[in-house]
């Protein structure tokens, strides 16, 4: 069981270069709306995917990227901290200061492998390593298909360490009408596992009861 401080509403969110940028954007929006302080880590590949899938072109500088996100999102970004890829003085790089919760969404197979083997070659990988060593809560929203044996072995290795593996596989029982409905389904499941209140989608069984 992860022992998290009740009032520690801080979280690290990393966007890797996997497909699924809308998941990451929506998750960020929901976390900020829930008054979380979010440390956002964005890989170079993630910026390409954001522009391709979401039409959002982020500048390379952290301050400029935050300004662009502030214009794009519908919530306050006062508690958003965009970290540089090699900002080793960021709180997320140290076990004495890092948030106890972290999500990589979307998580590429490459990021999965690097985290599984403790590579720590960039800030996102180091942040994940910190959460692991400090016995925090790490969620990886893996987006790849099909999974190779190597992918499955890496996921099993991390699962045995207590990492929650959440493939980006939305359900359909809520009868989604739009792509946004599918995105919200996945983000709702992530928020549930983080312990964040959400009402994005109906819960199974409740609206079927007479």
N, C-alpha and C. Protein backbone atom coordinates (compact mmCIF):
# COMPACT_ATOMS: atom_id res chain seq x y z
N UNK A 1 0.85 -1.19 0.00
CA UNK A 1 0.00 0.00 0.00
C UNK A 1 0.89 1.24 0.00
N UNK A 2 0.62 2.19 -0.89
CA UNK A 2 1.41 3.40 -0.97
C UNK A 2 0.99 4.36 0.14
N UNK A 3 1.95 4.83 0.92
CA UNK A 3 1.66 5.77 2.01
C UNK A 3 1.87 7.19 1.51
N UNK A 4 0.78 7.86 1.18
CA UNK A 4 0.85 9.21 0.63
C UNK A 4 0.28 10.21 1.62
N UNK A 5 0.95 11.35 1.75
CA UNK A 5 0.45 12.40 2.64
C UNK A 5 -0.89 12.90 2.12
N UNK A 6 -1.86 13.03 3.04
CA UNK A 6 -3.21 13.39 2.63
C UNK A 6 -3.27 14.76 1.96
N UNK A 7 -2.43 15.68 2.39
CA UNK A 7 -2.49 17.04 1.88
C UNK A 7 -1.46 17.33 0.80
N UNK A 8 -0.75 16.31 0.35
CA UNK A 8 0.28 16.50 -0.66
C UNK A 8 -0.35 16.43 -2.06
N UNK A 9 -0.89 17.56 -2.51
CA UNK A 9 -1.53 17.59 -3.82
C UNK A 9 -0.52 18.04 -4.87
N UNK A 10 0.55 17.25 -4.97
CA UNK A 10 1.58 17.49 -5.97
C UNK A 10 1.76 16.20 -6.78
N UNK A 11 2.02 16.35 -8.06
CA UNK A 11 2.17 15.18 -8.91
C UNK A 11 3.11 15.50 -10.07
N UNK A 12 3.81 14.49 -10.53
CA UNK A 12 4.66 14.62 -11.71
C UNK A 12 3.94 13.97 -12.88
N UNK A 13 3.85 14.69 -13.98
CA UNK A 13 3.23 14.17 -15.20
C UNK A 13 4.24 14.25 -16.33
N UNK A 14 4.49 13.11 -16.98
CA UNK A 14 5.44 13.09 -18.10
C UNK A 14 4.72 12.69 -19.37
N UNK A 15 5.03 13.39 -20.44
CA UNK A 15 4.53 13.05 -21.78
C UNK A 15 5.68 12.52 -22.60
N UNK A 16 5.58 11.27 -23.03
CA UNK A 16 6.62 10.70 -23.88
C UNK A 16 6.17 10.77 -25.33
N UNK A 17 6.92 10.16 -26.23
CA UNK A 17 6.63 10.28 -27.66
C UNK A 17 5.65 9.27 -28.21
N UNK A 18 4.94 8.53 -27.35
CA UNK A 18 3.95 7.58 -27.84
C UNK A 18 2.73 8.32 -28.38
N UNK A 19 1.97 7.65 -29.24
CA UNK A 19 0.69 8.19 -29.66
C UNK A 19 -0.23 8.26 -28.44
N UNK A 20 -1.13 9.24 -28.45
CA UNK A 20 -2.05 9.40 -27.33
C UNK A 20 -1.93 10.74 -26.65
N UNK A 21 -1.48 11.75 -27.38
CA UNK A 21 -1.33 13.09 -26.81
C UNK A 21 -2.62 13.62 -26.18
N UNK A 22 -3.81 13.36 -26.76
CA UNK A 22 -5.04 13.87 -26.13
C UNK A 22 -5.24 13.35 -24.71
N UNK A 23 -4.78 12.14 -24.41
CA UNK A 23 -4.88 11.64 -23.04
C UNK A 23 -4.07 12.53 -22.09
N UNK A 24 -2.86 12.84 -22.51
CA UNK A 24 -1.98 13.65 -21.66
C UNK A 24 -2.51 15.05 -21.42
N UNK A 25 -3.02 15.67 -22.47
CA UNK A 25 -3.58 17.02 -22.36
C UNK A 25 -4.80 17.02 -21.43
N UNK A 26 -5.69 16.07 -21.62
CA UNK A 26 -6.90 16.02 -20.80
C UNK A 26 -6.58 15.71 -19.34
N UNK A 27 -5.60 14.82 -19.12
CA UNK A 27 -5.20 14.51 -17.75
C UNK A 27 -4.63 15.74 -17.07
N UNK A 28 -3.79 16.48 -17.77
CA UNK A 28 -3.23 17.71 -17.22
C UNK A 28 -4.34 18.68 -16.85
N UNK A 29 -5.29 18.84 -17.75
CA UNK A 29 -6.41 19.75 -17.50
C UNK A 29 -7.18 19.35 -16.24
N UNK A 30 -7.44 18.06 -16.08
CA UNK A 30 -8.21 17.58 -14.93
C UNK A 30 -7.43 17.72 -13.62
N UNK A 31 -6.14 17.47 -13.66
CA UNK A 31 -5.32 17.59 -12.45
C UNK A 31 -5.25 19.04 -11.98
N UNK A 32 -5.09 19.96 -12.92
CA UNK A 32 -5.06 21.38 -12.57
C UNK A 32 -6.42 21.83 -12.05
N UNK A 33 -7.49 21.33 -12.65
CA UNK A 33 -8.84 21.68 -12.20
C UNK A 33 -9.09 21.17 -10.78
N UNK A 34 -8.40 20.07 -10.42
CA UNK A 34 -8.53 19.51 -9.07
C UNK A 34 -7.57 20.18 -8.09
N UNK A 35 -6.93 21.26 -8.52
CA UNK A 35 -6.04 22.06 -7.68
C UNK A 35 -4.75 21.33 -7.30
N UNK A 36 -4.27 20.50 -8.20
CA UNK A 36 -2.97 19.85 -8.01
C UNK A 36 -1.85 20.73 -8.55
N UNK A 37 -0.72 20.68 -7.88
CA UNK A 37 0.50 21.28 -8.41
C UNK A 37 1.14 20.23 -9.31
N UNK A 38 1.26 20.56 -10.59
CA UNK A 38 1.72 19.58 -11.57
C UNK A 38 3.09 19.96 -12.11
N UNK A 39 4.04 19.03 -11.98
CA UNK A 39 5.35 19.18 -12.59
C UNK A 39 5.30 18.42 -13.92
N UNK A 40 5.34 19.16 -15.02
CA UNK A 40 5.16 18.58 -16.34
C UNK A 40 6.49 18.41 -17.05
N UNK A 41 6.75 17.18 -17.52
CA UNK A 41 7.97 16.85 -18.25
C UNK A 41 7.58 16.44 -19.66
N UNK A 42 8.17 17.09 -20.65
CA UNK A 42 7.77 16.88 -22.05
C UNK A 42 9.01 16.50 -22.87
N UNK A 43 8.97 15.32 -23.48
CA UNK A 43 10.10 14.91 -24.31
C UNK A 43 10.02 15.59 -25.67
N UNK A 44 11.14 15.57 -26.40
CA UNK A 44 11.16 16.16 -27.75
C UNK A 44 10.18 15.44 -28.67
N UNK A 45 10.14 14.12 -28.55
CA UNK A 45 9.21 13.35 -29.38
C UNK A 45 7.77 13.67 -29.02
N UNK A 46 7.50 13.93 -27.74
CA UNK A 46 6.14 14.27 -27.32
C UNK A 46 5.67 15.57 -27.98
N UNK A 47 6.57 16.50 -28.16
CA UNK A 47 6.21 17.76 -28.81
C UNK A 47 5.77 17.51 -30.26
N UNK A 48 6.46 16.60 -30.93
CA UNK A 48 6.09 16.25 -32.31
C UNK A 48 4.71 15.60 -32.34
N UNK A 49 4.47 14.68 -31.41
CA UNK A 49 3.18 13.99 -31.35
C UNK A 49 2.06 14.97 -31.01
N UNK A 50 2.33 15.89 -30.08
CA UNK A 50 1.32 16.90 -29.73
C UNK A 50 0.90 17.72 -30.94
N UNK A 51 1.87 18.12 -31.73
CA UNK A 51 1.57 18.92 -32.92
C UNK A 51 0.81 18.09 -33.95
N UNK A 52 1.15 16.81 -34.07
CA UNK A 52 0.53 15.95 -35.07
C UNK A 52 -0.89 15.54 -34.68
N UNK A 53 -1.07 15.13 -33.43
CA UNK A 53 -2.35 14.57 -33.00
C UNK A 53 -3.30 15.60 -32.41
N UNK A 54 -2.75 16.67 -31.86
CA UNK A 54 -3.59 17.61 -31.12
C UNK A 54 -3.54 19.02 -31.72
N UNK A 55 -2.68 19.22 -32.70
CA UNK A 55 -2.56 20.53 -33.31
C UNK A 55 -1.96 21.58 -32.40
N UNK A 56 -1.22 21.12 -31.39
CA UNK A 56 -0.64 22.03 -30.41
C UNK A 56 0.88 22.03 -30.56
N UNK A 57 1.42 23.16 -30.97
CA UNK A 57 2.87 23.28 -31.14
C UNK A 57 3.45 24.02 -29.95
N UNK A 58 4.20 23.30 -29.12
CA UNK A 58 4.78 23.89 -27.92
C UNK A 58 6.20 24.38 -28.19
N UNK A 59 6.54 25.58 -27.74
CA UNK A 59 7.91 26.06 -27.84
C UNK A 59 8.83 25.18 -26.99
N UNK A 60 10.11 25.24 -27.26
CA UNK A 60 11.05 24.37 -26.55
C UNK A 60 11.33 24.86 -25.13
N UNK A 61 11.29 26.16 -24.89
CA UNK A 61 11.57 26.69 -23.56
C UNK A 61 10.45 26.41 -22.58
N UNK A 62 10.77 26.06 -21.32
CA UNK A 62 9.74 25.76 -20.33
C UNK A 62 8.75 26.89 -20.11
N UNK A 63 9.23 28.13 -19.98
CA UNK A 63 8.33 29.26 -19.73
C UNK A 63 7.40 29.51 -20.91
N UNK A 64 7.97 29.44 -22.12
CA UNK A 64 7.15 29.64 -23.32
C UNK A 64 6.15 28.50 -23.50
N UNK A 65 6.56 27.29 -23.14
CA UNK A 65 5.66 26.14 -23.24
C UNK A 65 4.50 26.30 -22.26
N UNK A 66 4.79 26.77 -21.06
CA UNK A 66 3.73 26.99 -20.08
C UNK A 66 2.76 28.06 -20.59
N UNK A 67 3.27 29.11 -21.18
CA UNK A 67 2.41 30.18 -21.71
C UNK A 67 1.50 29.63 -22.80
N UNK A 68 2.05 28.77 -23.67
CA UNK A 68 1.25 28.18 -24.74
C UNK A 68 0.16 27.27 -24.17
N UNK A 69 0.50 26.51 -23.14
CA UNK A 69 -0.48 25.64 -22.51
C UNK A 69 -1.56 26.45 -21.79
N UNK A 70 -1.15 27.56 -21.20
CA UNK A 70 -2.11 28.43 -20.51
C UNK A 70 -3.17 28.94 -21.49
N UNK A 71 -2.75 29.24 -22.71
CA UNK A 71 -3.69 29.72 -23.72
C UNK A 71 -4.59 28.59 -24.22
N UNK A 72 -4.05 27.37 -24.21
CA UNK A 72 -4.78 26.23 -24.76
C UNK A 72 -5.80 25.62 -23.78
N UNK A 73 -5.44 25.58 -22.51
CA UNK A 73 -6.28 24.92 -21.52
C UNK A 73 -7.40 25.84 -21.03
N UNK A 74 -8.43 25.21 -20.48
CA UNK A 74 -9.58 25.98 -20.00
C UNK A 74 -9.55 26.15 -18.48
N UNK A 75 -8.43 25.83 -17.85
CA UNK A 75 -8.30 25.94 -16.40
C UNK A 75 -7.07 26.79 -16.06
N UNK A 76 -6.97 27.19 -14.82
CA UNK A 76 -5.83 27.98 -14.37
C UNK A 76 -4.55 27.15 -14.42
N UNK A 77 -3.47 27.77 -14.85
CA UNK A 77 -2.17 27.10 -14.90
C UNK A 77 -1.23 27.66 -13.83
N UNK A 78 -1.79 28.29 -12.81
CA UNK A 78 -0.96 28.89 -11.76
C UNK A 78 -0.11 27.85 -11.05
N UNK A 79 -0.60 26.61 -10.98
CA UNK A 79 0.13 25.55 -10.28
C UNK A 79 0.84 24.60 -11.24
N UNK A 80 1.01 25.04 -12.46
CA UNK A 80 1.74 24.24 -13.45
C UNK A 80 3.20 24.65 -13.51
N UNK A 81 4.08 23.67 -13.39
CA UNK A 81 5.52 23.90 -13.52
C UNK A 81 6.03 23.04 -14.67
N UNK A 82 6.45 23.67 -15.76
CA UNK A 82 7.01 22.94 -16.88
C UNK A 82 8.52 22.87 -16.69
N UNK A 83 9.04 21.67 -16.64
CA UNK A 83 10.47 21.47 -16.38
C UNK A 83 11.23 21.24 -17.68
N UNK A 84 12.45 21.73 -17.73
CA UNK A 84 13.32 21.45 -18.86
C UNK A 84 13.76 19.99 -18.85
N UNK A 85 14.15 19.46 -20.00
CA UNK A 85 14.50 18.04 -20.10
C UNK A 85 15.69 17.67 -19.24
N UNK A 86 16.55 18.63 -18.97
CA UNK A 86 17.73 18.35 -18.16
C UNK A 86 17.81 19.29 -16.96
N UNK A 87 16.66 19.60 -16.40
CA UNK A 87 16.59 20.46 -15.22
C UNK A 87 16.81 19.61 -13.98
N UNK A 88 18.08 19.26 -13.74
CA UNK A 88 18.41 18.34 -12.67
C UNK A 88 18.23 18.96 -11.28
N UNK A 89 17.98 20.26 -11.22
CA UNK A 89 17.70 20.91 -9.94
C UNK A 89 16.20 20.98 -9.66
N UNK A 90 15.40 20.39 -10.55
CA UNK A 90 13.96 20.33 -10.31
C UNK A 90 13.67 19.41 -9.13
N UNK A 91 12.63 19.71 -8.33
CA UNK A 91 12.28 18.84 -7.21
C UNK A 91 12.06 17.37 -7.60
N UNK A 92 11.59 17.14 -8.84
CA UNK A 92 11.27 15.77 -9.25
C UNK A 92 12.51 14.89 -9.36
N UNK A 93 13.70 15.50 -9.37
CA UNK A 93 14.94 14.74 -9.53
C UNK A 93 15.49 14.23 -8.22
N UNK A 94 14.89 14.60 -7.10
CA UNK A 94 15.43 14.22 -5.80
C UNK A 94 14.37 13.58 -4.91
N UNK A 95 14.75 12.49 -4.26
CA UNK A 95 13.83 11.82 -3.36
C UNK A 95 13.42 12.66 -2.17
N UNK A 96 14.21 13.67 -1.84
CA UNK A 96 13.88 14.52 -0.69
C UNK A 96 12.83 15.57 -1.01
N UNK A 97 12.51 15.74 -2.29
CA UNK A 97 11.60 16.83 -2.66
C UNK A 97 10.52 16.43 -3.67
N UNK A 98 10.68 15.31 -4.33
CA UNK A 98 9.77 14.94 -5.43
C UNK A 98 8.38 14.59 -4.94
N UNK A 99 7.35 14.87 -5.76
CA UNK A 99 6.00 14.38 -5.45
C UNK A 99 6.01 12.86 -5.34
N UNK A 100 5.11 12.33 -4.54
CA UNK A 100 5.05 10.88 -4.34
C UNK A 100 4.23 10.16 -5.41
N UNK A 101 3.59 10.92 -6.28
CA UNK A 101 2.80 10.34 -7.36
C UNK A 101 3.33 10.81 -8.70
N UNK A 102 3.33 9.90 -9.68
CA UNK A 102 3.78 10.24 -11.03
C UNK A 102 3.02 9.40 -12.04
N UNK A 103 2.69 10.06 -13.16
CA UNK A 103 2.05 9.38 -14.28
C UNK A 103 2.84 9.68 -15.54
N UNK A 104 3.10 8.65 -16.33
CA UNK A 104 3.65 8.85 -17.67
C UNK A 104 2.50 8.55 -18.63
N UNK A 105 2.00 9.58 -19.29
CA UNK A 105 0.81 9.47 -20.13
C UNK A 105 0.88 10.41 -21.32
N UNK A 106 1.07 9.89 -22.52
CA UNK A 106 1.24 8.48 -22.84
C UNK A 106 2.68 8.02 -22.56
N UNK A 107 2.81 6.70 -22.41
CA UNK A 107 4.13 6.11 -22.15
C UNK A 107 4.54 5.25 -23.34
N UNK A 108 5.65 5.59 -23.96
CA UNK A 108 6.14 4.83 -25.10
C UNK A 108 6.82 3.55 -24.63
N UNK A 109 7.02 2.62 -25.54
CA UNK A 109 7.72 1.38 -25.22
C UNK A 109 9.17 1.68 -24.82
N UNK A 110 9.74 2.72 -25.43
CA UNK A 110 11.11 3.11 -25.08
C UNK A 110 11.20 3.64 -23.66
N UNK A 111 10.25 4.48 -23.27
CA UNK A 111 10.23 4.99 -21.89
C UNK A 111 9.98 3.87 -20.91
N UNK A 112 9.09 2.95 -21.27
CA UNK A 112 8.82 1.78 -20.44
C UNK A 112 10.10 1.01 -20.17
N UNK A 113 10.87 0.75 -21.23
CA UNK A 113 12.11 -0.02 -21.09
C UNK A 113 13.12 0.72 -20.23
N UNK A 114 13.26 2.02 -20.47
CA UNK A 114 14.24 2.81 -19.72
C UNK A 114 13.89 2.84 -18.24
N UNK A 115 12.61 2.98 -17.92
CA UNK A 115 12.19 3.01 -16.52
C UNK A 115 12.39 1.64 -15.87
N UNK A 116 12.08 0.59 -16.62
CA UNK A 116 12.22 -0.77 -16.09
C UNK A 116 13.66 -1.10 -15.74
N UNK A 117 14.59 -0.48 -16.46
CA UNK A 117 16.00 -0.80 -16.26
C UNK A 117 16.78 0.34 -15.58
N UNK A 118 16.05 1.34 -15.05
CA UNK A 118 16.69 2.39 -14.27
C UNK A 118 17.70 3.22 -15.03
N UNK A 119 17.42 3.53 -16.29
CA UNK A 119 18.39 4.23 -17.13
C UNK A 119 18.65 5.66 -16.66
N UNK A 120 17.60 6.41 -16.35
CA UNK A 120 17.71 7.79 -15.85
C UNK A 120 18.56 8.68 -16.75
N UNK A 121 18.37 8.54 -18.07
CA UNK A 121 19.14 9.35 -19.02
C UNK A 121 18.52 10.73 -19.25
N UNK A 122 17.28 10.93 -18.81
CA UNK A 122 16.66 12.25 -18.90
C UNK A 122 15.84 12.48 -17.64
N UNK A 123 15.26 13.65 -17.52
CA UNK A 123 14.57 14.02 -16.28
C UNK A 123 13.35 13.14 -16.01
N UNK A 124 12.61 12.79 -17.07
CA UNK A 124 11.43 11.95 -16.89
C UNK A 124 11.81 10.58 -16.35
N UNK A 125 12.86 10.00 -16.91
CA UNK A 125 13.31 8.69 -16.44
C UNK A 125 13.84 8.78 -15.01
N UNK A 126 14.55 9.85 -14.70
CA UNK A 126 15.05 10.04 -13.34
C UNK A 126 13.89 10.22 -12.36
N UNK A 127 12.88 11.00 -12.76
CA UNK A 127 11.72 11.23 -11.89
C UNK A 127 11.02 9.91 -11.58
N UNK A 128 10.87 9.06 -12.59
CA UNK A 128 10.25 7.75 -12.38
C UNK A 128 11.11 6.90 -11.45
N UNK A 129 12.41 6.97 -11.63
CA UNK A 129 13.34 6.22 -10.78
C UNK A 129 13.21 6.66 -9.32
N UNK A 130 13.05 7.98 -9.13
CA UNK A 130 12.89 8.53 -7.78
C UNK A 130 11.61 8.00 -7.13
N UNK A 131 10.52 8.02 -7.87
CA UNK A 131 9.25 7.53 -7.32
C UNK A 131 9.37 6.05 -6.95
N UNK A 132 10.05 5.28 -7.76
CA UNK A 132 10.24 3.86 -7.47
C UNK A 132 11.05 3.66 -6.19
N UNK A 133 12.17 4.37 -6.09
CA UNK A 133 13.04 4.14 -4.94
C UNK A 133 12.43 4.66 -3.65
N UNK A 134 11.56 5.68 -3.76
CA UNK A 134 10.91 6.25 -2.59
C UNK A 134 9.59 5.55 -2.26
N UNK A 135 9.29 4.47 -3.01
CA UNK A 135 8.07 3.69 -2.78
C UNK A 135 6.81 4.54 -2.95
N UNK A 136 6.83 5.38 -3.99
CA UNK A 136 5.65 6.18 -4.29
C UNK A 136 4.73 5.46 -5.25
N UNK A 137 3.85 6.21 -5.89
CA UNK A 137 2.87 5.64 -6.81
C UNK A 137 3.21 6.06 -8.24
N UNK A 138 3.50 5.07 -9.08
CA UNK A 138 3.86 5.32 -10.47
C UNK A 138 2.87 4.61 -11.38
N UNK A 139 2.27 5.38 -12.29
CA UNK A 139 1.34 4.84 -13.29
C UNK A 139 1.92 5.05 -14.68
N UNK A 140 1.92 4.01 -15.48
CA UNK A 140 2.40 4.10 -16.85
C UNK A 140 1.25 3.78 -17.80
N UNK A 141 0.85 4.79 -18.59
CA UNK A 141 -0.24 4.61 -19.56
C UNK A 141 0.42 4.24 -20.89
N UNK A 142 0.67 2.95 -21.03
CA UNK A 142 1.45 2.44 -22.17
C UNK A 142 0.59 2.46 -23.43
N UNK A 143 1.17 2.97 -24.52
CA UNK A 143 0.45 3.02 -25.80
C UNK A 143 1.34 2.37 -26.87
N UNK A 144 1.03 1.12 -27.16
CA UNK A 144 1.74 0.37 -28.20
C UNK A 144 0.87 -0.81 -28.58
N UNK A 145 0.95 -1.26 -29.82
CA UNK A 145 0.23 -2.46 -30.22
C UNK A 145 0.83 -3.02 -31.50
N UNK A 146 1.04 -4.31 -31.58
CA UNK A 146 0.90 -5.28 -30.49
C UNK A 146 2.08 -5.16 -29.52
N UNK A 147 1.97 -5.79 -28.36
CA UNK A 147 3.07 -5.84 -27.42
C UNK A 147 4.01 -6.99 -27.78
N UNK A 148 5.29 -6.69 -27.82
CA UNK A 148 6.26 -7.76 -28.03
C UNK A 148 6.51 -8.46 -26.69
N UNK A 149 7.20 -9.59 -26.75
CA UNK A 149 7.57 -10.29 -25.52
C UNK A 149 8.40 -9.39 -24.62
N UNK A 150 9.27 -8.59 -25.23
CA UNK A 150 10.11 -7.67 -24.45
C UNK A 150 9.27 -6.63 -23.74
N UNK A 151 8.27 -6.07 -24.43
CA UNK A 151 7.37 -5.10 -23.80
C UNK A 151 6.67 -5.73 -22.60
N UNK A 152 6.16 -6.94 -22.80
CA UNK A 152 5.42 -7.63 -21.74
C UNK A 152 6.33 -7.95 -20.56
N UNK A 153 7.57 -8.33 -20.84
CA UNK A 153 8.52 -8.61 -19.76
C UNK A 153 8.82 -7.35 -18.96
N UNK A 154 8.97 -6.21 -19.66
CA UNK A 154 9.23 -4.95 -18.96
C UNK A 154 8.04 -4.54 -18.10
N UNK A 155 6.84 -4.73 -18.61
CA UNK A 155 5.64 -4.39 -17.84
C UNK A 155 5.51 -5.30 -16.62
N UNK A 156 5.79 -6.59 -16.80
CA UNK A 156 5.72 -7.52 -15.67
C UNK A 156 6.75 -7.16 -14.61
N UNK A 157 7.95 -6.83 -15.05
CA UNK A 157 9.01 -6.45 -14.11
C UNK A 157 8.58 -5.25 -13.27
N UNK A 158 8.02 -4.24 -13.91
CA UNK A 158 7.59 -3.04 -13.18
C UNK A 158 6.37 -3.32 -12.32
N UNK A 159 5.45 -4.14 -12.82
CA UNK A 159 4.27 -4.48 -12.03
C UNK A 159 4.67 -5.16 -10.72
N UNK A 160 5.69 -6.00 -10.78
CA UNK A 160 6.17 -6.68 -9.57
C UNK A 160 6.78 -5.69 -8.58
N UNK A 161 7.18 -4.51 -9.06
CA UNK A 161 7.72 -3.46 -8.20
C UNK A 161 6.62 -2.58 -7.63
N UNK A 162 5.39 -2.82 -8.03
CA UNK A 162 4.28 -2.01 -7.54
C UNK A 162 3.79 -0.95 -8.50
N UNK A 163 4.37 -0.90 -9.70
CA UNK A 163 3.94 0.08 -10.71
C UNK A 163 2.60 -0.36 -11.30
N UNK A 164 1.71 0.61 -11.50
CA UNK A 164 0.43 0.32 -12.14
C UNK A 164 0.57 0.50 -13.65
N UNK A 165 0.33 -0.58 -14.38
CA UNK A 165 0.41 -0.54 -15.84
C UNK A 165 -1.00 -0.37 -16.38
N UNK A 166 -1.24 0.74 -17.07
CA UNK A 166 -2.57 1.05 -17.58
C UNK A 166 -2.51 1.29 -19.09
N UNK A 167 -2.56 0.22 -19.90
CA UNK A 167 -2.56 0.42 -21.35
C UNK A 167 -3.68 1.36 -21.77
N UNK A 168 -3.42 2.18 -22.75
CA UNK A 168 -4.43 3.13 -23.23
C UNK A 168 -5.49 2.36 -24.02
N UNK A 169 -6.41 1.74 -23.27
CA UNK A 169 -7.43 0.88 -23.87
C UNK A 169 -8.80 1.27 -23.32
N UNK A 170 -9.41 2.31 -23.88
CA UNK A 170 -10.71 2.76 -23.36
C UNK A 170 -11.82 1.74 -23.59
N UNK A 171 -12.81 1.74 -22.70
CA UNK A 171 -13.96 0.87 -22.85
C UNK A 171 -15.06 1.53 -23.67
N UNK A 172 -16.09 0.76 -23.95
CA UNK A 172 -17.18 1.25 -24.79
C UNK A 172 -18.55 1.08 -24.14
N UNK A 173 -18.58 0.57 -22.90
CA UNK A 173 -19.88 0.31 -22.28
C UNK A 173 -20.63 1.58 -21.92
N UNK A 174 -19.94 2.73 -21.91
CA UNK A 174 -20.64 3.99 -21.65
C UNK A 174 -21.17 4.62 -22.95
N UNK A 175 -21.08 3.85 -24.04
CA UNK A 175 -21.60 4.27 -25.35
C UNK A 175 -21.04 5.63 -25.79
N UNK A 176 -19.73 5.69 -25.99
CA UNK A 176 -19.10 6.96 -26.40
C UNK A 176 -19.62 7.44 -27.74
N UNK A 177 -19.81 8.75 -27.84
CA UNK A 177 -20.29 9.36 -29.08
C UNK A 177 -19.18 10.10 -29.82
N UNK A 178 -18.13 10.44 -29.10
CA UNK A 178 -17.05 11.23 -29.69
C UNK A 178 -15.70 10.67 -29.24
N UNK A 179 -14.64 11.13 -29.88
CA UNK A 179 -13.29 10.77 -29.45
C UNK A 179 -13.03 11.30 -28.05
N UNK A 180 -13.56 12.47 -27.75
CA UNK A 180 -13.40 13.04 -26.40
C UNK A 180 -13.98 12.11 -25.34
N UNK A 181 -15.08 11.43 -25.66
CA UNK A 181 -15.67 10.49 -24.72
C UNK A 181 -14.73 9.33 -24.43
N UNK A 182 -14.02 8.86 -25.45
CA UNK A 182 -13.05 7.78 -25.28
C UNK A 182 -11.85 8.25 -24.45
N UNK A 183 -11.41 9.47 -24.73
CA UNK A 183 -10.30 10.04 -23.96
C UNK A 183 -10.70 10.16 -22.49
N UNK A 184 -11.89 10.67 -22.25
CA UNK A 184 -12.36 10.87 -20.88
C UNK A 184 -12.47 9.55 -20.12
N UNK A 185 -12.84 8.48 -20.81
CA UNK A 185 -12.93 7.17 -20.15
C UNK A 185 -11.57 6.78 -19.58
N UNK A 186 -10.53 6.92 -20.40
CA UNK A 186 -9.20 6.52 -19.95
C UNK A 186 -8.69 7.45 -18.84
N UNK A 187 -8.90 8.74 -19.01
CA UNK A 187 -8.44 9.71 -18.01
C UNK A 187 -9.18 9.49 -16.69
N UNK A 188 -10.46 9.13 -16.76
CA UNK A 188 -11.22 8.86 -15.54
C UNK A 188 -10.62 7.69 -14.76
N UNK A 189 -10.19 6.65 -15.47
CA UNK A 189 -9.59 5.49 -14.81
C UNK A 189 -8.26 5.88 -14.15
N UNK A 190 -7.50 6.74 -14.82
CA UNK A 190 -6.23 7.21 -14.24
C UNK A 190 -6.50 7.99 -12.96
N UNK A 191 -7.45 8.91 -13.03
CA UNK A 191 -7.78 9.74 -11.86
C UNK A 191 -8.27 8.88 -10.70
N UNK A 192 -9.05 7.85 -11.00
CA UNK A 192 -9.51 6.94 -9.96
C UNK A 192 -8.34 6.31 -9.22
N UNK A 193 -7.35 5.86 -9.97
CA UNK A 193 -6.19 5.21 -9.36
C UNK A 193 -5.33 6.18 -8.57
N UNK A 194 -5.38 7.45 -8.95
CA UNK A 194 -4.63 8.48 -8.22
C UNK A 194 -5.38 8.97 -6.99
N UNK A 195 -6.64 8.61 -6.88
CA UNK A 195 -7.45 9.08 -5.76
C UNK A 195 -7.97 10.49 -5.96
N UNK A 196 -8.11 10.89 -7.22
CA UNK A 196 -8.60 12.23 -7.55
C UNK A 196 -10.09 12.15 -7.89
N UNK A 197 -10.91 12.96 -7.24
CA UNK A 197 -12.35 12.98 -7.51
C UNK A 197 -12.59 13.31 -8.98
N UNK A 198 -13.50 12.56 -9.61
CA UNK A 198 -13.81 12.83 -11.01
C UNK A 198 -15.22 12.39 -11.32
N UNK A 199 -15.82 13.05 -12.31
CA UNK A 199 -17.15 12.67 -12.77
C UNK A 199 -17.21 12.69 -14.28
N UNK A 200 -16.13 12.24 -14.91
CA UNK A 200 -16.02 12.33 -16.37
C UNK A 200 -16.95 11.35 -17.09
N UNK A 201 -17.11 10.16 -16.53
CA UNK A 201 -17.95 9.15 -17.18
C UNK A 201 -18.82 8.47 -16.13
N UNK A 202 -19.99 7.94 -16.55
CA UNK A 202 -20.84 7.20 -15.60
C UNK A 202 -20.12 5.95 -15.12
N UNK A 203 -20.32 5.58 -13.88
CA UNK A 203 -19.70 4.38 -13.35
C UNK A 203 -20.56 3.16 -13.66
N UNK A 204 -19.87 2.04 -13.89
CA UNK A 204 -20.54 0.81 -14.28
C UNK A 204 -21.64 0.44 -13.29
N UNK A 205 -22.84 0.17 -13.82
CA UNK A 205 -23.93 -0.33 -13.00
C UNK A 205 -24.82 0.73 -12.40
N UNK A 206 -24.31 1.92 -12.13
CA UNK A 206 -25.10 2.91 -11.41
C UNK A 206 -26.24 3.45 -12.25
N UNK A 207 -25.98 3.77 -13.52
CA UNK A 207 -27.05 4.32 -14.34
C UNK A 207 -27.93 3.23 -14.93
N UNK A 208 -27.55 1.93 -14.72
CA UNK A 208 -28.38 0.84 -15.19
C UNK A 208 -29.41 0.40 -14.14
N UNK A 209 -29.20 0.86 -12.89
CA UNK A 209 -30.12 0.45 -11.83
C UNK A 209 -31.44 1.20 -11.94
N UNK A 210 -32.52 0.54 -11.68
CA UNK A 210 -33.84 1.19 -11.75
C UNK A 210 -34.17 1.83 -10.40
